[in-house]
Amino acid sequence: MKENSKSILFVCMGNICRSPTAEGVFRHHVDERGLGDRIVADSAGTHAYHVGEPPDRRAFAAAERRGISLAKIRARRVSDRDFEEFDYIIAMDEDNQRHLLEQAPEEHRSKVQLFLSFAAVDEIEVPDPYYGGAAGFERVLDLVEEASRGLLETLT
């Protein structure tokens, strides 16, 4: 990566709904602004439930309807190296933020933040849409779009 570049890791529980959606949306915004050589994004889960799997078909379809592809994303678990390699480790909710803070070495704990802290919304957490219907995935996209714009403004 180039000097002055930034790396972001988006994290939810299983890395098949919220965090891959965040990765895809954020990358889309980065590419639209021509910043792909300066800002990289990835996603992971705090749990290994779905390692190697593609995003949930409902998350995939909701993103596709907005012109965002999640096709190349595969679930993985957060590794100890992630805390060294990423500048920002962005949790979708407080439970996963707690897991990350427990795993993070002391010197990297400040990297762990909640995604919606970058959004002008009343919510604190991106809700998990896994056990709900299509409307939940659309709500996740709305929140992720807003937070992605805020994070990108923070980085630039």
N, C-alpha and C. Protein backbone atom coordinates (compact mmCIF):
# COMPACT_ATOMS: atom_id res chain seq x y z
N MET A 1 0.83 -1.19 0.00
CA MET A 1 0.00 0.00 0.00
C MET A 1 0.87 1.25 0.00
N LYS A 2 0.35 2.30 -0.59
CA LYS A 2 1.09 3.56 -0.67
C LYS A 2 1.14 4.27 0.68
N GLU A 3 2.12 5.15 0.80
CA GLU A 3 2.20 5.99 1.98
C GLU A 3 0.94 6.84 2.02
N ASN A 4 0.47 7.19 3.20
CA ASN A 4 -0.77 7.94 3.41
C ASN A 4 -2.02 7.14 3.07
N SER A 5 -1.88 5.84 2.89
CA SER A 5 -3.05 5.02 2.62
C SER A 5 -3.66 4.56 3.94
N LYS A 6 -4.90 4.12 3.86
CA LYS A 6 -5.63 3.66 5.04
C LYS A 6 -6.25 2.31 4.75
N SER A 7 -6.35 1.50 5.79
CA SER A 7 -6.97 0.18 5.65
C SER A 7 -8.06 0.03 6.72
N ILE A 8 -9.19 -0.51 6.26
CA ILE A 8 -10.35 -0.65 7.13
C ILE A 8 -10.82 -2.09 7.13
N LEU A 9 -11.11 -2.63 8.31
CA LEU A 9 -11.68 -3.96 8.45
C LEU A 9 -13.06 -3.81 9.09
N PHE A 10 -14.09 -4.25 8.37
CA PHE A 10 -15.46 -4.23 8.87
C PHE A 10 -15.77 -5.58 9.51
N VAL A 11 -16.38 -5.56 10.71
CA VAL A 11 -16.57 -6.80 11.46
C VAL A 11 -17.99 -6.93 12.00
N CYS A 12 -18.57 -8.12 11.75
CA CYS A 12 -19.82 -8.51 12.41
C CYS A 12 -19.59 -9.89 13.00
N MET A 13 -20.64 -10.63 13.30
CA MET A 13 -20.47 -11.93 13.95
C MET A 13 -19.99 -13.02 12.98
N GLY A 14 -20.75 -13.26 11.91
CA GLY A 14 -20.42 -14.37 11.02
C GLY A 14 -19.81 -13.97 9.70
N ASN A 15 -19.77 -12.68 9.40
CA ASN A 15 -19.20 -12.15 8.16
C ASN A 15 -19.94 -12.63 6.91
N ILE A 16 -21.29 -12.71 7.02
CA ILE A 16 -22.07 -13.03 5.82
C ILE A 16 -23.19 -12.03 5.54
N CYS A 17 -23.48 -11.13 6.46
CA CYS A 17 -24.55 -10.14 6.24
C CYS A 17 -24.03 -8.70 6.31
N ARG A 18 -23.83 -8.23 7.53
CA ARG A 18 -23.51 -6.81 7.73
C ARG A 18 -22.11 -6.43 7.28
N SER A 19 -21.09 -7.14 7.73
CA SER A 19 -19.73 -6.71 7.39
C SER A 19 -19.39 -6.86 5.91
N PRO A 20 -19.84 -7.92 5.20
CA PRO A 20 -19.57 -7.93 3.77
C PRO A 20 -20.35 -6.84 3.03
N THR A 21 -21.55 -6.53 3.53
CA THR A 21 -22.31 -5.42 2.95
C THR A 21 -21.54 -4.12 3.14
N ALA A 22 -21.01 -3.91 4.34
CA ALA A 22 -20.23 -2.70 4.61
C ALA A 22 -18.99 -2.64 3.73
N GLU A 23 -18.29 -3.77 3.59
CA GLU A 23 -17.11 -3.81 2.73
C GLU A 23 -17.48 -3.44 1.29
N GLY A 24 -18.52 -4.04 0.77
CA GLY A 24 -18.93 -3.79 -0.61
C GLY A 24 -19.37 -2.35 -0.84
N VAL A 25 -20.20 -1.83 0.05
CA VAL A 25 -20.69 -0.45 -0.09
C VAL A 25 -19.53 0.53 0.04
N PHE A 26 -18.68 0.32 1.05
CA PHE A 26 -17.56 1.24 1.26
C PHE A 26 -16.61 1.23 0.06
N ARG A 27 -16.28 0.04 -0.44
CA ARG A 27 -15.42 -0.05 -1.62
C ARG A 27 -16.04 0.67 -2.82
N HIS A 28 -17.35 0.54 -2.96
CA HIS A 28 -18.07 1.21 -4.04
C HIS A 28 -17.86 2.73 -3.96
N HIS A 29 -18.03 3.28 -2.76
CA HIS A 29 -17.83 4.72 -2.56
C HIS A 29 -16.37 5.13 -2.79
N VAL A 30 -15.45 4.31 -2.32
CA VAL A 30 -14.01 4.57 -2.51
C VAL A 30 -13.69 4.61 -4.01
N ASP A 31 -14.18 3.61 -4.75
CA ASP A 31 -13.92 3.54 -6.19
C ASP A 31 -14.56 4.70 -6.94
N GLU A 32 -15.76 5.09 -6.53
CA GLU A 32 -16.43 6.23 -7.17
C GLU A 32 -15.61 7.52 -7.04
N ARG A 33 -14.89 7.63 -5.95
CA ARG A 33 -14.06 8.83 -5.71
C ARG A 33 -12.63 8.65 -6.19
N GLY A 34 -12.34 7.51 -6.84
CA GLY A 34 -11.01 7.28 -7.38
C GLY A 34 -9.93 7.11 -6.32
N LEU A 35 -10.30 6.57 -5.18
CA LEU A 35 -9.36 6.44 -4.05
C LEU A 35 -8.93 5.00 -3.80
N GLY A 36 -9.22 4.10 -4.73
CA GLY A 36 -8.92 2.69 -4.55
C GLY A 36 -7.45 2.37 -4.32
N ASP A 37 -6.56 3.26 -4.76
CA ASP A 37 -5.13 3.03 -4.53
C ASP A 37 -4.68 3.53 -3.17
N ARG A 38 -5.55 4.25 -2.46
CA ARG A 38 -5.19 4.82 -1.15
C ARG A 38 -5.98 4.25 0.02
N ILE A 39 -7.13 3.63 -0.28
CA ILE A 39 -7.98 3.11 0.79
C ILE A 39 -8.38 1.68 0.46
N VAL A 40 -8.06 0.75 1.35
CA VAL A 40 -8.45 -0.65 1.14
C VAL A 40 -9.42 -1.07 2.23
N ALA A 41 -10.29 -2.00 1.87
CA ALA A 41 -11.30 -2.49 2.82
C ALA A 41 -11.37 -4.01 2.75
N ASP A 42 -11.70 -4.59 3.88
CA ASP A 42 -11.89 -6.03 4.00
C ASP A 42 -12.97 -6.22 5.06
N SER A 43 -13.40 -7.46 5.24
CA SER A 43 -14.36 -7.75 6.29
C SER A 43 -14.05 -9.11 6.91
N ALA A 44 -14.55 -9.29 8.13
CA ALA A 44 -14.32 -10.53 8.86
C ALA A 44 -15.40 -10.67 9.93
N GLY A 45 -15.44 -11.84 10.54
CA GLY A 45 -16.38 -12.09 11.62
C GLY A 45 -15.65 -12.42 12.92
N THR A 46 -16.32 -12.17 14.03
CA THR A 46 -15.74 -12.52 15.32
C THR A 46 -15.87 -14.02 15.59
N HIS A 47 -16.77 -14.68 14.86
CA HIS A 47 -16.99 -16.13 15.01
C HIS A 47 -16.73 -16.82 13.68
N ALA A 48 -16.42 -18.10 13.74
CA ALA A 48 -16.03 -18.85 12.54
C ALA A 48 -17.18 -19.67 11.95
N TYR A 49 -18.41 -19.23 12.15
CA TYR A 49 -19.57 -20.00 11.70
C TYR A 49 -19.61 -20.24 10.19
N HIS A 50 -19.16 -19.29 9.40
CA HIS A 50 -19.37 -19.35 7.94
C HIS A 50 -18.09 -19.20 7.13
N VAL A 51 -16.95 -19.51 7.69
CA VAL A 51 -15.66 -19.31 7.01
C VAL A 51 -15.69 -19.94 5.61
N GLY A 52 -15.28 -19.15 4.63
CA GLY A 52 -15.21 -19.60 3.24
C GLY A 52 -16.49 -19.43 2.45
N GLU A 53 -17.58 -19.11 3.12
CA GLU A 53 -18.87 -18.97 2.44
C GLU A 53 -19.02 -17.56 1.84
N PRO A 54 -19.82 -17.45 0.76
CA PRO A 54 -20.14 -16.13 0.22
C PRO A 54 -21.14 -15.42 1.12
N PRO A 55 -21.38 -14.13 0.90
CA PRO A 55 -22.40 -13.42 1.68
C PRO A 55 -23.77 -14.09 1.55
N ASP A 56 -24.59 -13.90 2.56
CA ASP A 56 -25.98 -14.37 2.56
C ASP A 56 -26.66 -13.92 1.26
N ARG A 57 -27.43 -14.81 0.65
CA ARG A 57 -28.06 -14.50 -0.64
C ARG A 57 -28.95 -13.27 -0.58
N ARG A 58 -29.56 -13.02 0.58
CA ARG A 58 -30.43 -11.84 0.73
C ARG A 58 -29.60 -10.55 0.78
N ALA A 59 -28.45 -10.59 1.44
CA ALA A 59 -27.55 -9.43 1.47
C ALA A 59 -27.01 -9.18 0.07
N PHE A 60 -26.64 -10.28 -0.61
CA PHE A 60 -26.12 -10.20 -1.97
C PHE A 60 -27.15 -9.55 -2.90
N ALA A 61 -28.40 -10.01 -2.83
CA ALA A 61 -29.46 -9.50 -3.70
C ALA A 61 -29.77 -8.03 -3.40
N ALA A 62 -29.82 -7.67 -2.13
CA ALA A 62 -30.12 -6.28 -1.76
C ALA A 62 -29.03 -5.35 -2.27
N ALA A 63 -27.78 -5.76 -2.12
CA ALA A 63 -26.67 -4.94 -2.61
C ALA A 63 -26.71 -4.83 -4.14
N GLU A 64 -26.96 -5.94 -4.81
CA GLU A 64 -27.04 -5.94 -6.28
C GLU A 64 -28.09 -4.96 -6.78
N ARG A 65 -29.23 -4.88 -6.08
CA ARG A 65 -30.30 -3.95 -6.49
C ARG A 65 -29.82 -2.49 -6.45
N ARG A 66 -28.79 -2.24 -5.66
CA ARG A 66 -28.22 -0.88 -5.58
C ARG A 66 -26.95 -0.74 -6.40
N GLY A 67 -26.66 -1.73 -7.21
CA GLY A 67 -25.49 -1.66 -8.08
C GLY A 67 -24.17 -1.96 -7.38
N ILE A 68 -24.24 -2.69 -6.28
CA ILE A 68 -23.04 -3.00 -5.51
C ILE A 68 -22.84 -4.51 -5.52
N SER A 69 -21.65 -4.95 -5.89
CA SER A 69 -21.37 -6.38 -5.96
C SER A 69 -20.64 -6.86 -4.71
N LEU A 70 -21.10 -7.98 -4.19
CA LEU A 70 -20.44 -8.65 -3.07
C LEU A 70 -19.84 -9.98 -3.54
N ALA A 71 -19.75 -10.15 -4.86
CA ALA A 71 -19.41 -11.45 -5.46
C ALA A 71 -18.05 -12.01 -5.03
N LYS A 72 -17.07 -11.18 -4.81
CA LYS A 72 -15.72 -11.68 -4.52
C LYS A 72 -15.47 -11.88 -3.03
N ILE A 73 -16.42 -11.54 -2.20
CA ILE A 73 -16.23 -11.60 -0.75
C ILE A 73 -16.53 -13.01 -0.23
N ARG A 74 -15.65 -13.49 0.65
CA ARG A 74 -15.84 -14.77 1.33
C ARG A 74 -15.61 -14.57 2.82
N ALA A 75 -16.43 -15.22 3.61
CA ALA A 75 -16.36 -15.05 5.06
C ALA A 75 -15.03 -15.58 5.62
N ARG A 76 -14.53 -14.84 6.59
CA ARG A 76 -13.35 -15.27 7.33
C ARG A 76 -13.48 -14.77 8.76
N ARG A 77 -12.66 -15.32 9.62
CA ARG A 77 -12.67 -14.91 11.02
C ARG A 77 -11.57 -13.88 11.26
N VAL A 78 -11.81 -12.95 12.16
CA VAL A 78 -10.80 -11.98 12.54
C VAL A 78 -9.57 -12.72 13.07
N SER A 79 -8.40 -12.31 12.61
CA SER A 79 -7.15 -12.92 13.08
C SER A 79 -6.36 -11.93 13.93
N ASP A 80 -5.42 -12.43 14.69
CA ASP A 80 -4.59 -11.56 15.51
C ASP A 80 -3.80 -10.57 14.65
N ARG A 81 -3.41 -10.99 13.44
CA ARG A 81 -2.65 -10.11 12.53
C ARG A 81 -3.48 -8.90 12.09
N ASP A 82 -4.80 -9.07 12.04
CA ASP A 82 -5.66 -7.97 11.60
C ASP A 82 -5.45 -6.71 12.45
N PHE A 83 -5.19 -6.90 13.73
CA PHE A 83 -5.03 -5.75 14.63
C PHE A 83 -3.77 -4.95 14.30
N GLU A 84 -2.77 -5.61 13.76
CA GLU A 84 -1.56 -4.92 13.33
C GLU A 84 -1.71 -4.32 11.93
N GLU A 85 -2.38 -5.04 11.06
CA GLU A 85 -2.43 -4.67 9.64
C GLU A 85 -3.44 -3.59 9.29
N PHE A 86 -4.52 -3.46 10.06
CA PHE A 86 -5.56 -2.50 9.71
C PHE A 86 -5.48 -1.25 10.57
N ASP A 87 -5.78 -0.11 9.95
CA ASP A 87 -5.79 1.17 10.66
C ASP A 87 -7.08 1.37 11.45
N TYR A 88 -8.17 0.87 10.90
CA TYR A 88 -9.49 0.97 11.53
C TYR A 88 -10.11 -0.42 11.56
N ILE A 89 -10.65 -0.80 12.70
CA ILE A 89 -11.39 -2.05 12.83
C ILE A 89 -12.79 -1.66 13.30
N ILE A 90 -13.73 -1.79 12.37
CA ILE A 90 -15.05 -1.20 12.53
C ILE A 90 -16.09 -2.28 12.84
N ALA A 91 -16.63 -2.24 14.05
CA ALA A 91 -17.63 -3.20 14.49
C ALA A 91 -19.04 -2.73 14.13
N MET A 92 -19.88 -3.68 13.79
CA MET A 92 -21.26 -3.36 13.43
C MET A 92 -22.15 -3.16 14.66
N ASP A 93 -21.76 -3.74 15.79
CA ASP A 93 -22.57 -3.62 17.00
C ASP A 93 -21.68 -3.72 18.24
N GLU A 94 -22.29 -3.42 19.39
CA GLU A 94 -21.53 -3.38 20.63
C GLU A 94 -21.04 -4.76 21.07
N ASP A 95 -21.80 -5.82 20.79
CA ASP A 95 -21.37 -7.16 21.17
C ASP A 95 -20.09 -7.54 20.43
N ASN A 96 -20.06 -7.30 19.13
CA ASN A 96 -18.85 -7.61 18.36
C ASN A 96 -17.71 -6.66 18.70
N GLN A 97 -18.03 -5.43 19.06
CA GLN A 97 -17.00 -4.50 19.52
C GLN A 97 -16.34 -5.05 20.79
N ARG A 98 -17.16 -5.59 21.71
CA ARG A 98 -16.62 -6.19 22.94
C ARG A 98 -15.69 -7.35 22.62
N HIS A 99 -16.12 -8.23 21.70
CA HIS A 99 -15.27 -9.36 21.30
C HIS A 99 -13.93 -8.86 20.74
N LEU A 100 -14.00 -7.84 19.91
CA LEU A 100 -12.77 -7.30 19.31
C LEU A 100 -11.85 -6.70 20.36
N LEU A 101 -12.42 -5.96 21.30
CA LEU A 101 -11.61 -5.34 22.35
C LEU A 101 -10.97 -6.39 23.25
N GLU A 102 -11.65 -7.50 23.47
CA GLU A 102 -11.07 -8.60 24.26
C GLU A 102 -9.91 -9.25 23.51
N GLN A 103 -10.02 -9.35 22.18
CA GLN A 103 -8.98 -10.00 21.38
C GLN A 103 -7.81 -9.07 21.07
N ALA A 104 -8.07 -7.78 21.00
CA ALA A 104 -7.05 -6.82 20.55
C ALA A 104 -5.94 -6.63 21.58
N PRO A 105 -4.69 -6.60 21.11
CA PRO A 105 -3.60 -6.21 22.01
C PRO A 105 -3.85 -4.76 22.47
N GLU A 106 -3.41 -4.44 23.66
CA GLU A 106 -3.64 -3.11 24.25
C GLU A 106 -3.32 -1.97 23.28
N GLU A 107 -2.18 -2.08 22.57
CA GLU A 107 -1.75 -0.98 21.71
C GLU A 107 -2.62 -0.80 20.46
N HIS A 108 -3.53 -1.73 20.21
CA HIS A 108 -4.38 -1.62 19.02
C HIS A 108 -5.86 -1.43 19.36
N ARG A 109 -6.19 -1.34 20.61
CA ARG A 109 -7.61 -1.23 21.00
C ARG A 109 -8.26 0.05 20.50
N SER A 110 -7.48 1.11 20.35
CA SER A 110 -8.06 2.39 19.88
C SER A 110 -8.53 2.30 18.43
N LYS A 111 -8.10 1.30 17.70
CA LYS A 111 -8.53 1.11 16.31
C LYS A 111 -9.96 0.61 16.22
N VAL A 112 -10.46 0.00 17.30
CA VAL A 112 -11.79 -0.61 17.30
C VAL A 112 -12.85 0.46 17.57
N GLN A 113 -13.75 0.62 16.60
CA GLN A 113 -14.80 1.63 16.70
C GLN A 113 -16.11 1.06 16.19
N LEU A 114 -17.21 1.68 16.58
CA LEU A 114 -18.52 1.30 16.05
C LEU A 114 -18.76 2.02 14.72
N PHE A 115 -19.28 1.29 13.75
CA PHE A 115 -19.48 1.85 12.41
C PHE A 115 -20.42 3.05 12.43
N LEU A 116 -21.51 2.96 13.18
CA LEU A 116 -22.48 4.05 13.14
C LEU A 116 -22.01 5.31 13.86
N SER A 117 -20.83 5.26 14.48
CA SER A 117 -20.27 6.50 15.05
C SER A 117 -19.86 7.44 13.92
N PHE A 118 -19.80 6.94 12.69
CA PHE A 118 -19.47 7.77 11.53
C PHE A 118 -20.71 8.25 10.79
N ALA A 119 -21.89 7.93 11.30
CA ALA A 119 -23.15 8.27 10.62
C ALA A 119 -23.95 9.28 11.43
N ALA A 120 -24.70 10.09 10.72
CA ALA A 120 -25.60 11.05 11.37
C ALA A 120 -26.96 10.39 11.55
N VAL A 121 -26.99 9.38 12.43
CA VAL A 121 -28.22 8.64 12.72
C VAL A 121 -28.36 8.49 14.23
N ASP A 122 -29.56 8.16 14.67
CA ASP A 122 -29.81 7.98 16.10
C ASP A 122 -29.37 6.62 16.61
N GLU A 123 -29.28 5.64 15.72
CA GLU A 123 -28.90 4.30 16.12
C GLU A 123 -27.42 4.20 16.48
N ILE A 124 -27.10 3.24 17.34
CA ILE A 124 -25.72 2.97 17.73
C ILE A 124 -25.19 1.76 16.97
N GLU A 125 -26.08 0.80 16.68
CA GLU A 125 -25.69 -0.46 16.07
C GLU A 125 -26.37 -0.69 14.72
N VAL A 126 -25.65 -1.36 13.83
CA VAL A 126 -26.25 -1.85 12.59
C VAL A 126 -26.95 -3.14 12.99
N PRO A 127 -28.29 -3.21 12.85
CA PRO A 127 -29.01 -4.40 13.30
C PRO A 127 -28.70 -5.62 12.44
N ASP A 128 -28.68 -6.79 13.07
CA ASP A 128 -28.41 -8.04 12.36
C ASP A 128 -29.70 -8.47 11.64
N PRO A 129 -29.67 -8.52 10.29
CA PRO A 129 -30.89 -8.86 9.55
C PRO A 129 -31.09 -10.36 9.33
N TYR A 130 -30.18 -11.18 9.83
CA TYR A 130 -30.13 -12.60 9.48
C TYR A 130 -31.45 -13.34 9.70
N TYR A 131 -32.12 -13.11 10.83
CA TYR A 131 -33.34 -13.86 11.14
C TYR A 131 -34.61 -13.13 10.71
N GLY A 132 -34.47 -12.04 9.97
CA GLY A 132 -35.64 -11.29 9.53
C GLY A 132 -35.87 -11.39 8.04
N GLY A 133 -36.67 -10.49 7.53
CA GLY A 133 -37.01 -10.48 6.12
C GLY A 133 -36.19 -9.49 5.32
N ALA A 134 -36.61 -9.29 4.07
CA ALA A 134 -35.89 -8.44 3.13
C ALA A 134 -35.75 -7.00 3.61
N ALA A 135 -36.75 -6.50 4.33
CA ALA A 135 -36.71 -5.11 4.80
C ALA A 135 -35.51 -4.88 5.72
N GLY A 136 -35.11 -5.87 6.47
CA GLY A 136 -33.96 -5.74 7.35
C GLY A 136 -32.67 -5.53 6.58
N PHE A 137 -32.54 -6.20 5.45
CA PHE A 137 -31.35 -6.04 4.62
C PHE A 137 -31.31 -4.66 3.96
N GLU A 138 -32.48 -4.14 3.62
CA GLU A 138 -32.56 -2.78 3.06
C GLU A 138 -32.20 -1.76 4.13
N ARG A 139 -32.65 -1.96 5.35
CA ARG A 139 -32.30 -1.06 6.46
C ARG A 139 -30.80 -1.07 6.72
N VAL A 140 -30.20 -2.26 6.69
CA VAL A 140 -28.75 -2.37 6.85
C VAL A 140 -28.05 -1.56 5.76
N LEU A 141 -28.50 -1.70 4.53
CA LEU A 141 -27.89 -0.94 3.44
C LEU A 141 -28.01 0.56 3.65
N ASP A 142 -29.17 1.02 4.09
CA ASP A 142 -29.36 2.45 4.34
C ASP A 142 -28.36 2.95 5.38
N LEU A 143 -28.23 2.22 6.49
CA LEU A 143 -27.31 2.62 7.55
C LEU A 143 -25.86 2.55 7.09
N VAL A 144 -25.52 1.49 6.37
CA VAL A 144 -24.16 1.30 5.89
C VAL A 144 -23.78 2.37 4.88
N GLU A 145 -24.71 2.76 4.03
CA GLU A 145 -24.45 3.85 3.07
C GLU A 145 -24.11 5.14 3.82
N GLU A 146 -24.91 5.46 4.81
CA GLU A 146 -24.71 6.69 5.59
C GLU A 146 -23.36 6.65 6.34
N ALA A 147 -23.08 5.55 7.00
CA ALA A 147 -21.83 5.44 7.75
C ALA A 147 -20.62 5.39 6.83
N SER A 148 -20.76 4.79 5.66
CA SER A 148 -19.65 4.74 4.69
C SER A 148 -19.28 6.14 4.23
N ARG A 149 -20.28 6.95 3.95
CA ARG A 149 -19.99 8.34 3.55
C ARG A 149 -19.27 9.08 4.67
N GLY A 150 -19.73 8.90 5.90
CA GLY A 150 -19.08 9.55 7.04
C GLY A 150 -17.67 9.08 7.26
N LEU A 151 -17.45 7.78 7.16
CA LEU A 151 -16.09 7.25 7.32
C LEU A 151 -15.17 7.75 6.23
N LEU A 152 -15.66 7.78 5.01
CA LEU A 152 -14.85 8.27 3.90
C LEU A 152 -14.49 9.74 4.09
N GLU A 153 -15.41 10.53 4.58
CA GLU A 153 -15.11 11.93 4.89
C GLU A 153 -14.04 12.03 5.97
N THR A 154 -14.12 11.19 6.99
CA THR A 154 -13.12 11.17 8.06
C THR A 154 -11.73 10.85 7.49
N LEU A 155 -11.69 9.90 6.56
CA LEU A 155 -10.40 9.47 5.99
C LEU A 155 -9.82 10.47 5.02
N THR A 156 -10.67 11.26 4.38
CA THR A 156 -10.16 12.19 3.37
C THR A 156 -10.24 13.61 3.87
